[in-house]
Structures are given as structure tokens and as C-alpha cells.
Amino acid sequence: MDKLIAWQDFEKIEFALGTILSANTFPEARKSAYILTIDFGEEIGLKKSSAQITDLYTPNDLVGKQILAVINFPPKQIGPIISECLVTGFYGKDGAVVLATADKPLPNGSKLG
């Protein structure tokens, strides 16, 4: 393993669970993507993200799905939108992304511990 990090580095990353409220195609993106609006609960609020997850998911598949995201990266301009969080997932053999989710429903804003 050549990419070891210190425990203190990991502790800086804030992972939270949120529910996707809307998923819209992002025609301006260089690679096929959706613009997601995600509800992270009262304390964190709503955040937008650009996510390249079109291989396995349609917008209808995504609305209502709880996902795990990094919520403390600085906002990043991606075309006409500002991405405010990083949606997480796993790459399959074909390169398609499978979203990281909780296997049971939890309150929006729940933190990874």
C-alpha cells in the first residue's frame, strides 16, 4: 500500500448521508453527468453536485436515494454550476460508478463514523 495517510488527515474529511431531491442532465459537462440537489438535513442544508453516474442511473432512479458524500471540500466551479459536495461511489470493472449508500435509512446529515 503506497498511499498511506495519517489518521489526522482522515479525520479532516466530513462524510454525510443525504437524500437526492433532484437529478437533471448536465449537457454542458465534458463527460456525461447529472446535476444533483441533495438534502443533508437541517444543520448542513441543501448542496449541489455534478456527478458522472449516468452509466447505471437515470434521474428517476436517483430521486429519493440516500447517498454518501464529502461535504467539506471547497466549492468547485464546473461549467455553469458550483459543485458543493463530492458524491462517493465505487468503480466497477467497466468504469461505471456504483453509488456509496447506507443499507438502512438514516436521518439526512448522518455522519460517517
Protein backbone atom coordinates (compact mmCIF):
# COMPACT_ATOMS: atom_id res chain seq x y z
CA MET A 1 0.00 0.00 0.00
CA ASP A 2 1.76 3.13 -1.20
CA LYS A 3 -0.83 5.79 -0.39
CA LEU A 4 -0.84 5.75 3.41
CA ILE A 5 -2.23 8.81 5.14
CA ALA A 6 -2.12 9.88 8.75
CA TRP A 7 -5.23 9.31 10.88
CA GLN A 8 -5.42 13.08 11.37
CA ASP A 9 -5.80 13.51 7.59
CA PHE A 10 -8.77 11.13 7.52
CA GLU A 11 -10.39 12.94 10.45
CA LYS A 12 -10.47 16.15 8.39
CA ILE A 13 -12.85 14.62 5.84
CA GLU A 14 -16.54 15.09 6.62
CA PHE A 15 -18.75 12.37 5.13
CA ALA A 16 -22.51 12.82 5.44
CA LEU A 17 -25.59 10.98 4.25
CA GLY A 18 -28.03 12.93 2.11
CA THR A 19 -31.15 12.31 0.04
CA ILE A 20 -31.17 13.28 -3.63
CA LEU A 21 -34.07 15.68 -4.25
CA SER A 22 -33.47 16.25 -7.96
CA ALA A 23 -31.28 14.87 -10.73
CA ASN A 24 -31.05 16.72 -14.03
CA THR A 25 -28.97 16.08 -17.12
CA PHE A 26 -25.91 18.30 -17.42
CA PRO A 27 -25.49 18.93 -21.17
CA GLU A 28 -22.59 21.38 -20.67
CA ALA A 29 -20.42 18.76 -18.90
CA ARG A 30 -17.42 17.36 -20.81
CA LYS A 31 -18.32 13.83 -19.67
CA SER A 32 -21.90 12.64 -19.25
CA ALA A 33 -23.13 13.80 -15.83
CA TYR A 34 -26.10 14.85 -13.74
CA ILE A 35 -26.61 17.92 -11.60
CA LEU A 36 -27.86 16.70 -8.23
CA THR A 37 -29.55 18.65 -5.45
CA ILE A 38 -29.01 16.79 -2.19
CA ASP A 39 -30.70 17.34 1.19
CA PHE A 40 -28.23 16.87 4.06
CA GLY A 41 -30.69 17.83 6.79
CA GLU A 42 -31.32 20.96 8.78
CA GLU A 43 -27.76 21.51 10.08
CA ILE A 44 -25.99 21.16 6.70
CA GLY A 45 -28.79 22.08 4.30
CA LEU A 46 -29.08 21.58 0.55
CA LYS A 47 -25.99 21.15 -1.63
CA LYS A 48 -25.48 20.73 -5.37
CA SER A 49 -23.09 18.36 -7.05
CA SER A 50 -22.09 17.33 -10.54
CA ALA A 51 -21.86 13.54 -10.69
CA GLN A 52 -20.69 11.29 -13.53
CA ILE A 53 -23.07 8.45 -12.70
CA THR A 54 -25.10 8.23 -15.91
CA ASP A 55 -23.95 4.71 -16.87
CA LEU A 56 -26.03 2.94 -14.22
CA TYR A 57 -28.59 5.52 -13.08
CA THR A 58 -31.39 7.54 -14.63
CA PRO A 59 -32.69 10.73 -12.97
CA ASN A 60 -35.76 8.77 -11.82
CA ASP A 61 -33.51 6.12 -10.18
CA LEU A 62 -31.72 8.82 -8.21
CA VAL A 63 -34.53 10.92 -6.73
CA GLY A 64 -35.16 9.74 -3.17
CA LYS A 65 -31.92 7.74 -2.94
CA GLN A 66 -29.70 8.32 0.10
CA ILE A 67 -26.01 8.69 -0.79
CA LEU A 68 -22.73 9.29 1.00
CA ALA A 69 -20.86 12.49 0.12
CA VAL A 70 -17.86 14.52 1.24
CA ILE A 71 -19.31 17.83 2.38
CA ASN A 72 -16.23 19.86 3.36
CA PHE A 73 -14.33 20.24 0.09
CA PRO A 74 -14.27 23.84 -1.14
CA PRO A 75 -16.93 24.65 -3.74
CA LYS A 76 -15.74 23.96 -7.30
CA GLN A 77 -16.94 25.66 -10.47
CA ILE A 78 -17.93 23.01 -13.02
CA GLY A 79 -19.29 24.69 -16.12
CA PRO A 80 -22.30 26.80 -15.17
CA ILE A 81 -22.76 25.28 -11.68
CA ILE A 82 -20.83 25.31 -8.44
CA SER A 83 -20.39 21.80 -7.04
CA GLU A 84 -20.65 21.96 -3.25
CA CYS A 85 -20.01 18.33 -2.31
CA LEU A 86 -18.43 15.16 -3.70
CA VAL A 87 -20.77 12.23 -4.21
CA THR A 88 -18.92 8.98 -3.48
CA GLY A 89 -19.06 5.64 -5.22
CA PHE A 90 -17.12 2.62 -6.40
CA TYR A 91 -15.78 1.97 -9.90
CA GLY A 92 -16.88 -1.29 -11.47
CA LYS A 93 -14.70 -3.23 -13.91
CA ASP A 94 -16.29 -1.35 -16.80
CA GLY A 95 -15.61 2.03 -15.17
CA ALA A 96 -19.25 2.68 -14.25
CA VAL A 97 -19.77 4.20 -10.79
CA VAL A 98 -21.92 2.43 -8.19
CA LEU A 99 -23.04 4.92 -5.53
CA ALA A 100 -21.97 4.55 -1.89
CA THR A 101 -25.14 4.30 0.20
CA ALA A 102 -26.32 3.21 3.63
CA ASP A 103 -28.00 -0.19 3.76
CA LYS A 104 -30.71 1.17 6.10
CA PRO A 105 -32.45 4.58 6.05
CA LEU A 106 -30.89 7.18 8.35
CA PRO A 107 -31.58 10.87 9.01
CA ASN A 108 -30.13 13.21 6.40
CA GLY A 109 -26.87 14.68 7.68
CA SER A 110 -25.84 11.49 9.50
CA LYS A 111 -22.04 11.41 9.64
CA LEU A 112 -19.75 8.52 8.79
CA GLY A 113 -18.15 7.32 11.99
